[in-house]
PDB file of N, CA and C in Angstrom:
ATOM      1  N   UNK A   1      12.293 -15.432  17.713  1.00  0.00           N
ATOM      2  CA  UNK A   1      12.491 -15.507  15.760  1.00  0.00           C
ATOM      3  C   UNK A   1      14.253 -15.102  16.228  1.00  0.00           C
ATOM      4  N   UNK A   2      14.856 -15.299  15.614  1.00  0.00           N
ATOM      5  CA  UNK A   2      16.566 -14.854  15.587  1.00  0.00           C
ATOM      6  C   UNK A   2      16.493 -13.575  14.266  1.00  0.00           C
ATOM      7  N   UNK A   3      17.061 -12.691  14.581  1.00  0.00           N
ATOM      8  CA  UNK A   3      16.785 -11.689  13.970  1.00  0.00           C
ATOM      9  C   UNK A   3      17.533 -11.355  12.575  1.00  0.00           C
ATOM     10  N   UNK A   4      17.953 -12.594  12.645  1.00  0.00           N
ATOM     11  CA  UNK A   4      19.106 -12.687  11.177  1.00  0.00           C
ATOM     12  C   UNK A   4      18.090 -13.621  10.256  1.00  0.00           C
ATOM     13  N   UNK A   5      17.522 -14.467  11.009  1.00  0.00           N
ATOM     14  CA  UNK A   5      16.373 -14.594  10.518  1.00  0.00           C
ATOM     15  C   UNK A   5      15.306 -14.116  10.193  1.00  0.00           C
ATOM     16  N   UNK A   6      14.635 -13.479  10.659  1.00  0.00           N
ATOM     17  CA  UNK A   6      13.293 -11.965  10.107  1.00  0.00           C
ATOM     18  C   UNK A   6      14.505 -11.046   9.313  1.00  0.00           C
ATOM     19  N   UNK A   7      15.790 -10.610   9.135  1.00  0.00           N
ATOM     20  CA  UNK A   7      16.037  -9.628   8.463  1.00  0.00           C
ATOM     21  C   UNK A   7      16.638  -9.948   7.383  1.00  0.00           C
ATOM     22  N   UNK A   8      17.249 -11.430   7.382  1.00  0.00           N
ATOM     23  CA  UNK A   8      18.339 -11.454   6.297  1.00  0.00           C
ATOM     24  C   UNK A   8      17.978 -11.377   4.684  1.00  0.00           C
ATOM     25  N   UNK A   9      16.590 -11.537   4.606  1.00  0.00           N
ATOM     26  CA  UNK A   9      15.928 -11.862   3.170  1.00  0.00           C
ATOM     27  C   UNK A   9      15.808  -9.991   2.694  1.00  0.00           C
ATOM     28  N   UNK A  10      16.102  -8.759   3.439  1.00  0.00           N
ATOM     29  CA  UNK A  10      16.221  -7.826   3.169  1.00  0.00           C
ATOM     30  C   UNK A  10      17.149  -7.101   2.241  1.00  0.00           C
ATOM     31  N   UNK A  11      16.538  -6.637   1.543  1.00  0.00           N
ATOM     32  CA  UNK A  11      18.433  -6.497   0.534  1.00  0.00           C
ATOM     33  C   UNK A  11      18.956  -5.170   1.329  1.00  0.00           C
ATOM     34  N   UNK A  12      20.711  -5.636   1.481  1.00  0.00           N
ATOM     35  CA  UNK A  12      21.175  -4.379   1.766  1.00  0.00           C
ATOM     36  C   UNK A  12      21.717  -5.030   4.026  1.00  0.00           C
ATOM     37  N   UNK A  13      20.330  -5.336   4.064  1.00  0.00           N
ATOM     38  CA  UNK A  13      20.732  -6.042   5.103  1.00  0.00           C
ATOM     39  C   UNK A  13      22.061  -6.050   6.017  1.00  0.00           C
ATOM     40  N   UNK A  14      22.144  -7.102   4.993  1.00  0.00           N
ATOM     41  CA  UNK A  14      24.348  -7.591   5.993  1.00  0.00           C
ATOM     42  C   UNK A  14      25.199  -6.637   5.484  1.00  0.00           C
ATOM     43  N   UNK A  15      24.807  -5.290   5.011  1.00  0.00           N
ATOM     44  CA  UNK A  15      25.586  -3.958   4.307  1.00  0.00           C
ATOM     45  C   UNK A  15      25.514  -3.317   5.877  1.00  0.00           C
ATOM     46  N   UNK A  16      24.417  -3.284   6.764  1.00  0.00           N
ATOM     47  CA  UNK A  16      24.631  -2.774   8.029  1.00  0.00           C
ATOM     48  C   UNK A  16      25.464  -3.040   9.182  1.00  0.00           C
ATOM     49  N   UNK A  17      26.025  -1.639   9.777  1.00  0.00           N
ATOM     50  CA  UNK A  17      26.793  -2.191  11.161  1.00  0.00           C
ATOM     51  C   UNK A  17      25.787  -2.562  12.036  1.00  0.00           C
ATOM     52  N   UNK A  18      26.319  -2.755  13.068  1.00  0.00           N
ATOM     53  CA  UNK A  18      25.891  -3.491  14.488  1.00  0.00           C
ATOM     54  C   UNK A  18      25.072  -2.447  14.982  1.00  0.00           C
ATOM     55  N   UNK A  19      25.238  -1.083  14.906  1.00  0.00           N
ATOM     56  CA  UNK A  19      24.428   0.208  15.422  1.00  0.00           C
ATOM     57  C   UNK A  19      23.194   0.189  15.113  1.00  0.00           C
ATOM     58  N   UNK A  20      22.985   0.056  13.379  1.00  0.00           N
ATOM     59  CA  UNK A  20      22.276   0.083  12.532  1.00  0.00           C
ATOM     60  C   UNK A  20      21.716  -1.127  12.456  1.00  0.00           C
ATOM     61  N   UNK A  21      21.922  -2.055  12.737  1.00  0.00           N
ATOM     62  CA  UNK A  21      20.823  -3.254  12.902  1.00  0.00           C
ATOM     63  C   UNK A  21      20.409  -3.249  14.362  1.00  0.00           C
ATOM     64  N   UNK A  22      20.430  -2.617  15.291  1.00  0.00           N
ATOM     65  CA  UNK A  22      20.328  -2.486  16.202  1.00  0.00           C
ATOM     66  C   UNK A  22      18.770  -1.431  16.538  1.00  0.00           C
ATOM     67  N   UNK A  23      19.143  -0.797  15.529  1.00  0.00           N
ATOM     68  CA  UNK A  23      18.186   0.392  15.233  1.00  0.00           C
ATOM     69  C   UNK A  23      17.208  -0.480  14.232  1.00  0.00           C
ATOM     70  N   UNK A  24      17.371  -0.576  13.491  1.00  0.00           N
ATOM     71  CA  UNK A  24      16.761  -2.029  12.541  1.00  0.00           C
ATOM     72  C   UNK A  24      16.021  -2.884  13.274  1.00  0.00           C
ATOM     73  N   UNK A  25      16.413  -3.746  13.719  1.00  0.00           N
ATOM     74  CA  UNK A  25      15.401  -4.525  14.416  1.00  0.00           C
ATOM     75  C   UNK A  25      14.348  -3.214  14.833  1.00  0.00           C
ATOM     76  N   UNK A  26      14.807  -2.962  16.091  1.00  0.00           N
ATOM     77  CA  UNK A  26      13.878  -1.180  16.665  1.00  0.00           C
ATOM     78  C   UNK A  26      12.517  -1.089  15.626  1.00  0.00           C
ATOM     79  N   UNK A  27      12.998  -0.851  14.758  1.00  0.00           N
ATOM     80  CA  UNK A  27      12.171  -0.468  13.366  1.00  0.00           C
ATOM     81  C   UNK A  27      11.280  -1.533  12.858  1.00  0.00           C
ATOM     82  N   UNK A  28      11.542  -2.653  12.934  1.00  0.00           N
ATOM     83  CA  UNK A  28      11.483  -3.312  12.896  1.00  0.00           C
ATOM     84  C   UNK A  28      10.044  -4.373  13.413  1.00  0.00           C
ATOM     85  N   UNK A  29      10.114  -3.704  14.678  1.00  0.00           N
ATOM     86  CA  UNK A  29       8.807  -4.188  15.884  1.00  0.00           C
ATOM     87  C   UNK A  29       7.996  -3.285  15.661  1.00  0.00           C
ATOM     88  N   UNK A  30       8.430  -1.797  15.363  1.00  0.00           N
ATOM     89  CA  UNK A  30       7.259  -0.395  15.418  1.00  0.00           C
ATOM     90  C   UNK A  30       6.092  -1.542  13.982  1.00  0.00           C
ATOM     91  N   UNK A  31       7.174  -1.886  12.887  1.00  0.00           N
ATOM     92  CA  UNK A  31       6.782  -1.250  11.760  1.00  0.00           C
ATOM     93  C   UNK A  31       5.680  -3.200  12.114  1.00  0.00           C
ATOM     94  N   UNK A  32       6.084  -3.865  12.577  1.00  0.00           N
ATOM     95  CA  UNK A  32       5.172  -5.220  12.636  1.00  0.00           C
ATOM     96  C   UNK A  32       3.812  -4.774  13.999  1.00  0.00           C
ATOM     97  N   UNK A  33       4.005  -4.179  14.925  1.00  0.00           N
ATOM     98  CA  UNK A  33       3.213  -3.403  15.359  1.00  0.00           C
ATOM     99  C   UNK A  33       2.118  -2.694  14.449  1.00  0.00           C
ATOM    100  N   UNK A  34       2.323  -1.845  13.857  1.00  0.00           N
ATOM    101  CA  UNK A  34       1.571  -1.193  12.409  1.00  0.00           C
ATOM    102  C   UNK A  34       0.912  -1.488  11.607  1.00  0.00           C
ATOM    103  N   UNK A  35       1.508  -3.221  11.068  1.00  0.00           N
ATOM    104  CA  UNK A  35       1.122  -3.925   9.714  1.00  0.00           C
ATOM    105  C   UNK A  35       1.045  -5.478  10.281  1.00  0.00           C
ATOM    106  N   UNK A  36       0.527  -5.413  11.099  1.00  0.00           N
ATOM    107  CA  UNK A  36       0.399  -6.663  12.267  1.00  0.00           C
ATOM    108  C   UNK A  36      -0.565  -8.030  11.588  1.00  0.00           C
ATOM    109  N   UNK A  37      -1.114  -7.976  10.181  1.00  0.00           N
ATOM    110  CA  UNK A  37      -1.888  -9.293   9.766  1.00  0.00           C
ATOM    111  C   UNK A  37      -0.382  -9.723   9.043  1.00  0.00           C
ATOM    112  N   UNK A  38      -1.222 -10.307   8.503  1.00  0.00           N
ATOM    113  CA  UNK A  38      -0.579 -11.780   7.808  1.00  0.00           C
ATOM    114  C   UNK A  38      -0.173 -11.483   6.081  1.00  0.00           C
ATOM    115  N   UNK A  39      -1.580 -10.700   5.913  1.00  0.00           N
ATOM    116  CA  UNK A  39      -1.625  -9.960   4.661  1.00  0.00           C
ATOM    117  C   UNK A  39      -0.637  -8.250   4.691  1.00  0.00           C
ATOM    118  N   UNK A  40      -0.622  -8.429   5.924  1.00  0.00           N
ATOM    119  CA  UNK A  40       0.756  -6.795   5.712  1.00  0.00           C
ATOM    120  C   UNK A  40       1.658  -6.880   4.883  1.00  0.00           C
ATOM    121  N   UNK A  41       2.418  -8.511   4.589  1.00  0.00           N
ATOM    122  CA  UNK A  41       3.903  -8.874   4.706  1.00  0.00           C
ATOM    123  C   UNK A  41       4.236  -8.041   3.372  1.00  0.00           C
ATOM    124  N   UNK A  42       3.818  -7.347   2.697  1.00  0.00           N
ATOM    125  CA  UNK A  42       3.987  -6.975   1.630  1.00  0.00           C
ATOM    126  C   UNK A  42       4.199  -5.391   2.067  1.00  0.00           C
ATOM    127  N   UNK A  43       3.268  -5.237   2.767  1.00  0.00           N
ATOM    128  CA  UNK A  43       3.626  -3.222   3.702  1.00  0.00           C
ATOM    129  C   UNK A  43       4.978  -3.702   4.191  1.00  0.00           C
ATOM    130  N   UNK A  44       5.120  -4.854   5.243  1.00  0.00           N
ATOM    131  CA  UNK A  44       6.088  -4.826   6.285  1.00  0.00           C
ATOM    132  C   UNK A  44       7.496  -4.701   5.171  1.00  0.00           C
ATOM    133  N   UNK A  45       7.613  -5.537   4.447  1.00  0.00           N
ATOM    134  CA  UNK A  45       8.477  -5.898   4.199  1.00  0.00           C
ATOM    135  C   UNK A  45       9.329  -4.831   2.684  1.00  0.00           C
ATOM    136  N   UNK A  46       8.281  -3.865   2.386  1.00  0.00           N
ATOM    137  CA  UNK A  46       8.637  -2.898   1.304  1.00  0.00           C
ATOM    138  C   UNK A  46       8.947  -1.357   2.352  1.00  0.00           C
ATOM    139  N   UNK A  47       8.019  -1.444   3.518  1.00  0.00           N
ATOM    140  CA  UNK A  47       8.873  -0.190   4.964  1.00  0.00           C
ATOM    141  C   UNK A  47      10.437  -0.717   5.103  1.00  0.00           C
ATOM    142  N   UNK A  48      10.793  -2.168   5.396  1.00  0.00           N
ATOM    143  CA  UNK A  48      12.087  -2.245   6.111  1.00  0.00           C
ATOM    144  C   UNK A  48      13.071  -2.097   4.956  1.00  0.00           C
ATOM    145  N   UNK A  49      12.711  -2.627   3.596  1.00  0.00           N
ATOM    146  CA  UNK A  49      13.745  -2.471   2.440  1.00  0.00           C
ATOM    147  C   UNK A  49      13.580  -1.013   2.244  1.00  0.00           C
ATOM    148  N   UNK A  50      12.597   0.237   2.506  1.00  0.00           N
ATOM    149  CA  UNK A  50      13.485   1.676   2.568  1.00  0.00           C
ATOM    150  C   UNK A  50      14.378   1.869   3.325  1.00  0.00           C
ATOM    151  N   UNK A  51      14.066   1.452   4.930  1.00  0.00           N
ATOM    152  CA  UNK A  51      15.011   2.111   5.703  1.00  0.00           C
ATOM    153  C   UNK A  51      16.084   1.407   5.128  1.00  0.00           C
ATOM    154  N   UNK A  52      16.377   0.570   5.094  1.00  0.00           N
ATOM    155  CA  UNK A  52      17.938   0.204   4.496  1.00  0.00           C
ATOM    156  C   UNK A  52      18.063   1.148   3.301  1.00  0.00           C
ATOM    157  N   UNK A  53      17.575   0.948   2.405  1.00  0.00           N
ATOM    158  CA  UNK A  53      17.875   2.177   0.699  1.00  0.00           C
ATOM    159  C   UNK A  53      17.821   3.589   1.572  1.00  0.00           C
ATOM    160  N   UNK A  54      17.184   3.982   2.353  1.00  0.00           N
ATOM    161  CA  UNK A  54      17.736   6.013   2.970  1.00  0.00           C
ATOM    162  C   UNK A  54      18.780   5.629   4.054  1.00  0.00           C
ATOM    163  N   UNK A  55      19.068   4.556   4.569  1.00  0.00           N
ATOM    164  CA  UNK A  55      20.273   4.124   5.569  1.00  0.00           C
ATOM    165  C   UNK A  55      21.210   4.412   4.416  1.00  0.00           C
ATOM    166  N   UNK A  56      21.377   3.621   3.325  1.00  0.00           N
ATOM    167  CA  UNK A  56      22.614   3.574   2.225  1.00  0.00           C
ATOM    168  C   UNK A  56      22.701   4.458   0.824  1.00  0.00           C
ATOM    169  N   UNK A  57      21.821   5.836   0.734  1.00  0.00           N
ATOM    170  CA  UNK A  57      22.145   6.167   0.120  1.00  0.00           C
ATOM    171  C   UNK A  57      21.009   6.212  -0.627  1.00  0.00           C
ATOM    172  N   UNK A  58      20.145   5.007  -1.343  1.00  0.00           N
ATOM    173  CA  UNK A  58      19.979   4.903  -2.198  1.00  0.00           C
ATOM    174  C   UNK A  58      18.167   5.105  -2.217  1.00  0.00           C
ATOM    175  N   UNK A  59      17.558   5.967  -1.308  1.00  0.00           N
ATOM    176  CA  UNK A  59      16.908   6.031  -1.166  1.00  0.00           C
ATOM    177  C   UNK A  59      15.796   7.375  -0.107  1.00  0.00           C
ATOM    178  N   UNK A  60      15.476   8.674  -1.318  1.00  0.00           N
ATOM    179  CA  UNK A  60      15.320   9.975  -0.213  1.00  0.00           C
ATOM    180  C   UNK A  60      14.187  10.569   0.025  1.00  0.00           C
ATOM    181  N   UNK A  61      14.140  11.488   1.191  1.00  0.00           N
ATOM    182  CA  UNK A  61      12.589  11.251   0.911  1.00  0.00           C
ATOM    183  C   UNK A  61      11.833  12.060  -0.387  1.00  0.00           C
ATOM    184  N   UNK A  62      12.875  13.085  -0.685  1.00  0.00           N
ATOM    185  CA  UNK A  62      11.741  13.128  -2.720  1.00  0.00           C
ATOM    186  C   UNK A  62      11.613  12.259  -3.171  1.00  0.00           C
ATOM    187  N   UNK A  63      12.561  11.069  -3.064  1.00  0.00           N
ATOM    188  CA  UNK A  63      12.085   9.837  -3.927  1.00  0.00           C
ATOM    189  C   UNK A  63      10.840   9.292  -3.511  1.00  0.00           C
ATOM    190  N   UNK A  64      11.028   8.663  -2.059  1.00  0.00           N
ATOM    191  CA  UNK A  64       9.611   8.544  -1.197  1.00  0.00           C
ATOM    192  C   UNK A  64       8.422   9.553  -1.771  1.00  0.00           C
ATOM    193  N   UNK A  65       8.363  10.751  -1.593  1.00  0.00           N
ATOM    194  CA  UNK A  65       7.498  11.719  -2.073  1.00  0.00           C
ATOM    195  C   UNK A  65       7.136  11.871  -3.270  1.00  0.00           C
ATOM    196  N   UNK A  66       7.975  12.027  -3.828  1.00  0.00           N
ATOM    197  CA  UNK A  66       7.687  11.381  -5.791  1.00  0.00           C
ATOM    198  C   UNK A  66       6.819  10.523  -5.787  1.00  0.00           C
ATOM    199  N   UNK A  67       7.430   9.048  -5.673  1.00  0.00           N
ATOM    200  CA  UNK A  67       6.577   7.399  -4.613  1.00  0.00           C
ATOM    201  C   UNK A  67       5.155   8.266  -5.071  1.00  0.00           C
ATOM    202  N   UNK A  68       4.905   8.296  -3.004  1.00  0.00           N
ATOM    203  CA  UNK A  68       3.319   9.042  -2.964  1.00  0.00           C
ATOM    204  C   UNK A  68       2.974   9.850  -4.138  1.00  0.00           C
ATOM    205  N   UNK A  69       3.263  10.702  -4.269  1.00  0.00           N
ATOM    206  CA  UNK A  69       2.553  11.685  -5.262  1.00  0.00           C
ATOM    207  C   UNK A  69       1.871  10.625  -6.374  1.00  0.00           C
ATOM    208  N   UNK A  70       2.784  10.151  -7.118  1.00  0.00           N
ATOM    209  CA  UNK A  70       2.472   8.895  -7.917  1.00  0.00           C
ATOM    210  C   UNK A  70       0.933   7.628  -8.197  1.00  0.00           C
ATOM    211  N   UNK A  71       1.283   7.476  -7.009  1.00  0.00           N
ATOM    212  CA  UNK A  71       0.138   6.595  -6.412  1.00  0.00           C
ATOM    213  C   UNK A  71      -0.728   7.360  -6.343  1.00  0.00           C
ATOM    214  N   UNK A  72      -1.344   8.273  -5.758  1.00  0.00           N
ATOM    215  CA  UNK A  72      -2.338   9.413  -5.172  1.00  0.00           C
ATOM    216  C   UNK A  72      -2.927   9.437  -7.286  1.00  0.00           C
ATOM    217  N   UNK A  73      -1.908   9.592  -7.714  1.00  0.00           N
ATOM    218  CA  UNK A  73      -2.300  10.080  -9.166  1.00  0.00           C
ATOM    219  C   UNK A  73      -3.212   8.545 -10.059  1.00  0.00           C
ATOM    220  N   UNK A  74      -2.229   7.623  -9.562  1.00  0.00           N
ATOM    221  CA  UNK A  74      -2.919   6.181 -10.192  1.00  0.00           C
ATOM    222  C   UNK A  74      -4.045   5.815  -9.198  1.00  0.00           C
ATOM    223  N   UNK A  75      -4.025   5.998  -7.760  1.00  0.00           N
ATOM    224  CA  UNK A  75      -5.452   5.679  -7.182  1.00  0.00           C
ATOM    225  C   UNK A  75      -6.326   6.569  -7.212  1.00  0.00           C
ATOM    226  N   UNK A  76      -6.368   8.022  -7.803  1.00  0.00           N
ATOM    227  CA  UNK A  76      -7.294   8.761  -8.485  1.00  0.00           C
ATOM    228  C   UNK A  76      -7.529   8.493  -9.631  1.00  0.00           C
ATOM    229  N   UNK A  77      -7.041   8.435 -10.785  1.00  0.00           N
ATOM    230  CA  UNK A  77      -7.492   7.730 -12.077  1.00  0.00           C
ATOM    231  C   UNK A  77      -8.337   6.798 -11.719  1.00  0.00           C
ATOM    232  N   UNK A  78      -7.568   5.460 -10.800  1.00  0.00           N
ATOM    233  CA  UNK A  78      -8.347   3.616 -11.040  1.00  0.00           C
ATOM    234  C   UNK A  78     -10.119   4.202 -10.381  1.00  0.00           C
ATOM    235  N   UNK A  79     -10.136   5.134  -9.801  1.00  0.00           N
ATOM    236  CA  UNK A  79     -11.573   5.715  -8.678  1.00  0.00           C
ATOM    237  C   UNK A  79     -12.460   6.521 -10.393  1.00  0.00           C
ATOM    238  N   UNK A  80     -11.647   7.286 -10.916  1.00  0.00           N
ATOM    239  CA  UNK A  80     -12.187   7.630 -11.458  1.00  0.00           C
ATOM    240  C   UNK A  80     -12.540   6.698 -13.100  1.00  0.00           C
ATOM    241  N   UNK A  81     -11.858   5.899 -13.394  1.00  0.00           N
ATOM    242  CA  UNK A  81     -12.670   4.736 -14.209  1.00  0.00           C
ATOM    243  C   UNK A  81     -13.657   3.761 -13.534  1.00  0.00           C
ATOM    244  N   UNK A  82     -13.421   3.725 -12.132  1.00  0.00           N
ATOM    245  CA  UNK A  82     -14.145   2.792 -11.433  1.00  0.00           C
ATOM    246  C   UNK A  82     -15.895   3.179 -11.869  1.00  0.00           C
ATOM    247  N   UNK A  83     -15.889   4.602 -11.122  1.00  0.00           N
ATOM    248  CA  UNK A  83     -17.079   5.412 -11.200  1.00  0.00           C
ATOM    249  C   UNK A  83     -17.158   5.321 -12.943  1.00  0.00           C
ATOM    250  N   UNK A  84     -16.595   6.221 -13.636  1.00  0.00           N
ATOM    251  CA  UNK A  84     -17.449   5.568 -15.283  1.00  0.00           C
ATOM    252  C   UNK A  84     -17.857   4.324 -15.369  1.00  0.00           C
ATOM    253  N   UNK A  85     -17.169   3.401 -15.121  1.00  0.00           N
ATOM    254  CA  UNK A  85     -17.386   2.443 -15.534  1.00  0.00           C
ATOM    255  C   UNK A  85     -18.982   1.490 -15.168  1.00  0.00           C
ATOM    256  N   UNK A  86     -18.478   2.305 -13.520  1.00  0.00           N
ATOM    257  CA  UNK A  86     -19.955   1.552 -12.521  1.00  0.00           C
ATOM    258  C   UNK A  86     -21.340   2.640 -12.943  1.00  0.00           C
ATOM    259  N   UNK A  87     -20.997   3.364 -13.641  1.00  0.00           N
ATOM    260  CA  UNK A  87     -22.281   4.196 -13.607  1.00  0.00           C
ATOM    261  C   UNK A  87     -22.855   3.585 -14.980  1.00  0.00           C
ATOM    262  N   UNK A  88     -21.907   3.359 -16.162  1.00  0.00           N
ATOM    263  CA  UNK A  88     -22.345   3.177 -17.857  1.00  0.00           C
ATOM    264  C   UNK A  88     -22.622   1.205 -17.428  1.00  0.00           C
ATOM    265  N   UNK A  89     -22.294   1.048 -15.961  1.00  0.00           N
ATOM    266  CA  UNK A  89     -22.824  -0.906 -16.505  1.00  0.00           C
ATOM    267  C   UNK A  89     -23.796  -0.906 -16.121  1.00  0.00           C
ATOM    268  N   UNK A  90     -24.281   0.259 -14.981  1.00  0.00           N
ATOM    269  CA  UNK A  90     -26.376   0.162 -14.295  1.00  0.00           C
ATOM    270  C   UNK A  90     -26.343   0.657 -15.090  1.00  0.00           C
ATOM    271  N   UNK A  91     -26.719   2.013 -15.641  1.00  0.00           N
ATOM    272  CA  UNK A  91     -27.032   2.195 -16.933  1.00  0.00           C
ATOM    273  C   UNK A  91     -27.215   1.118 -18.385  1.00  0.00           C
ATOM    274  N   UNK A  92     -26.510   0.296 -18.167  1.00  0.00           N
ATOM    275  CA  UNK A  92     -26.688  -0.684 -18.913  1.00  0.00           C
ATOM    276  C   UNK A  92     -27.246  -1.611 -18.647  1.00  0.00           C
ATOM    277  N   UNK A  93     -27.983  -1.906 -17.793  1.00  0.00           N
ATOM    278  CA  UNK A  93     -28.761  -2.808 -17.002  1.00  0.00           C
ATOM    279  C   UNK A  93     -28.547  -3.637 -16.042  1.00  0.00           C
ATOM    280  N   UNK A  94     -27.401  -3.229 -15.896  1.00  0.00           N
ATOM    281  CA  UNK A  94     -26.249  -4.551 -14.715  1.00  0.00           C
ATOM    282  C   UNK A  94     -26.803  -4.099 -13.462  1.00  0.00           C
ATOM    283  N   UNK A  95     -26.631  -4.766 -12.383  1.00  0.00           N
ATOM    284  CA  UNK A  95     -27.248  -4.292 -11.042  1.00  0.00           C
ATOM    285  C   UNK A  95     -26.900  -3.927  -9.821  1.00  0.00           C
ATOM    286  N   UNK A  96     -27.057  -3.210  -9.420  1.00  0.00           N
ATOM    287  CA  UNK A  96     -26.365  -1.883  -8.418  1.00  0.00           C
ATOM    288  C   UNK A  96     -25.344  -2.872  -7.392  1.00  0.00           C
ATOM    289  N   UNK A  97     -25.675  -4.234  -7.278  1.00  0.00           N
ATOM    290  CA  UNK A  97     -25.511  -5.040  -6.498  1.00  0.00           C
ATOM    291  C   UNK A  97     -24.054  -5.813  -7.194  1.00  0.00           C
ATOM    292  N   UNK A  98     -24.224  -6.159  -8.542  1.00  0.00           N
ATOM    293  CA  UNK A  98     -23.402  -6.261  -8.886  1.00  0.00           C
ATOM    294  C   UNK A  98     -22.283  -5.796  -9.694  1.00  0.00           C
ATOM    295  N   UNK A  99     -22.666  -4.979  -9.938  1.00  0.00           N
ATOM    296  CA  UNK A  99     -21.668  -3.953 -10.053  1.00  0.00           C
ATOM    297  C   UNK A  99     -20.370  -3.522  -9.136  1.00  0.00           C
ATOM    298  N   UNK A 100     -20.909  -2.894  -8.472  1.00  0.00           N
ATOM    299  CA  UNK A 100     -20.139  -2.841  -7.217  1.00  0.00           C
ATOM    300  C   UNK A 100     -19.404  -3.805  -7.054  1.00  0.00           C
ATOM    301  N   UNK A 101     -19.743  -5.211  -6.641  1.00  0.00           N
ATOM    302  CA  UNK A 101     -18.493  -6.039  -6.244  1.00  0.00           C
ATOM    303  C   UNK A 101     -17.756  -6.347  -7.127  1.00  0.00           C
ATOM    304  N   UNK A 102     -18.334  -6.174  -8.648  1.00  0.00           N
ATOM    305  CA  UNK A 102     -17.365  -6.305  -9.505  1.00  0.00           C
ATOM    306  C   UNK A 102     -16.028  -5.644  -9.186  1.00  0.00           C
ATOM    307  N   UNK A 103     -17.174  -4.565  -8.984  1.00  0.00           N
ATOM    308  CA  UNK A 103     -15.838  -3.153  -9.223  1.00  0.00           C
ATOM    309  C   UNK A 103     -15.007  -3.415  -7.731  1.00  0.00           C
ATOM    310  N   UNK A 104     -15.439  -4.108  -6.871  1.00  0.00           N
ATOM    311  CA  UNK A 104     -14.436  -4.038  -5.674  1.00  0.00           C
ATOM    312  C   UNK A 104     -15.370  -3.018  -4.274  1.00  0.00           C
ATOM    313  N   UNK A 105     -16.216  -2.405  -5.045  1.00  0.00           N
ATOM    314  CA  UNK A 105     -16.226  -0.748  -3.807  1.00  0.00           C
ATOM    315  C   UNK A 105     -17.676  -0.993  -3.214  1.00  0.00           C
ATOM    316  N   UNK A 106     -18.719  -0.631  -2.509  1.00  0.00           N
ATOM    317  CA  UNK A 106     -19.112  -0.641  -1.447  1.00  0.00           C
ATOM    318  C   UNK A 106     -21.089   0.099  -2.374  1.00  0.00           C
ATOM    319  N   UNK A 107     -21.427  -0.752  -2.220  1.00  0.00           N
ATOM    320  CA  UNK A 107     -22.945  -0.485  -2.840  1.00  0.00           C
ATOM    321  C   UNK A 107     -23.331   0.499  -2.312  1.00  0.00           C
ATOM    322  N   UNK A 108     -23.002   1.202  -1.642  1.00  0.00           N
ATOM    323  CA  UNK A 108     -23.179   2.329  -1.230  1.00  0.00           C
ATOM    324  C   UNK A 108     -22.488   3.449  -1.945  1.00  0.00           C
ATOM    325  N   UNK A 109     -21.612   3.525  -2.087  1.00  0.00           N
ATOM    326  CA  UNK A 109     -20.255   4.577  -3.215  1.00  0.00           C
ATOM    327  C   UNK A 109     -21.312   3.840  -4.364  1.00  0.00           C
ATOM    328  N   UNK A 110     -21.400   2.566  -5.011  1.00  0.00           N
ATOM    329  CA  UNK A 110     -22.060   3.033  -6.143  1.00  0.00           C
ATOM    330  C   UNK A 110     -23.506   3.956  -6.437  1.00  0.00           C
ATOM    331  N   UNK A 111     -24.009   3.651  -5.520  1.00  0.00           N
ATOM    332  CA  UNK A 111     -25.283   5.036  -5.193  1.00  0.00           C
ATOM    333  C   UNK A 111     -25.090   6.165  -5.304  1.00  0.00           C
ATOM    334  N   UNK A 112     -24.030   6.314  -4.206  1.00  0.00           N
ATOM    335  CA  UNK A 112     -23.855   8.023  -5.053  1.00  0.00           C
ATOM    336  C   UNK A 112     -22.991   8.604  -5.719  1.00  0.00           C
ATOM    337  N   UNK A 113     -22.184   7.065  -6.640  1.00  0.00           N
ATOM    338  CA  UNK A 113     -21.936   8.084  -8.296  1.00  0.00           C
ATOM    339  C   UNK A 113     -23.365   7.949  -8.784  1.00  0.00           C
ATOM    340  N   UNK A 114     -24.410   7.329  -8.670  1.00  0.00           N
ATOM    341  CA  UNK A 114     -25.232   7.623  -9.211  1.00  0.00           C
ATOM    342  C   UNK A 114     -25.794   8.352  -9.131  1.00  0.00           C
ATOM    343  N   UNK A 115     -26.046   9.653  -7.974  1.00  0.00           N
ATOM    344  CA  UNK A 115     -26.134  10.765  -7.408  1.00  0.00           C
ATOM    345  C   UNK A 115     -28.013   9.893  -7.003  1.00  0.00           C
ATOM    346  N   UNK A 116     -27.957   8.918  -6.520  1.00  0.00           N
ATOM    347  CA  UNK A 116     -28.853   8.126  -5.821  1.00  0.00           C
ATOM    348  C   UNK A 116     -28.724   8.303  -4.166  1.00  0.00           C
ATOM    349  N   UNK A 117     -27.806   8.707  -4.291  1.00  0.00           N
ATOM    350  CA  UNK A 117     -27.708   8.661  -2.454  1.00  0.00           C
ATOM    351  C   UNK A 117     -26.270   9.920  -1.918  1.00  0.00           C
ATOM    352  N   UNK A 118     -26.611  10.597  -1.188  1.00  0.00           N
ATOM    353  CA  UNK A 118     -26.042  12.125  -0.988  1.00  0.00           C
ATOM    354  C   UNK A 118     -24.466  11.655  -0.060  1.00  0.00           C
TER     355      UNK A 118
END
């Protein structure tokens, strides 16, 4: 596949000089190897866009670290909510399997939350 076809939809790609484009192509190969599944497209695109933003001075390591910390907090919050609602739902008569499926968690995780598994 032509490099331009693969990368021209990445914002800022057209501002990179030849040396950066060459580096970008190598990085893109690594990124595709890390995230090879069709469903991983959002990860590939986010990663490659971040590379360009970093090179252009629009994304710092501190920015990336802050975003990661924010994502960790959001995940922790979502897990806490799911855990509490899962235990409430089973306590209200919901099935373990159905509750786990609706929450998108493994039934064994739900059992652990309920104190029925270590």
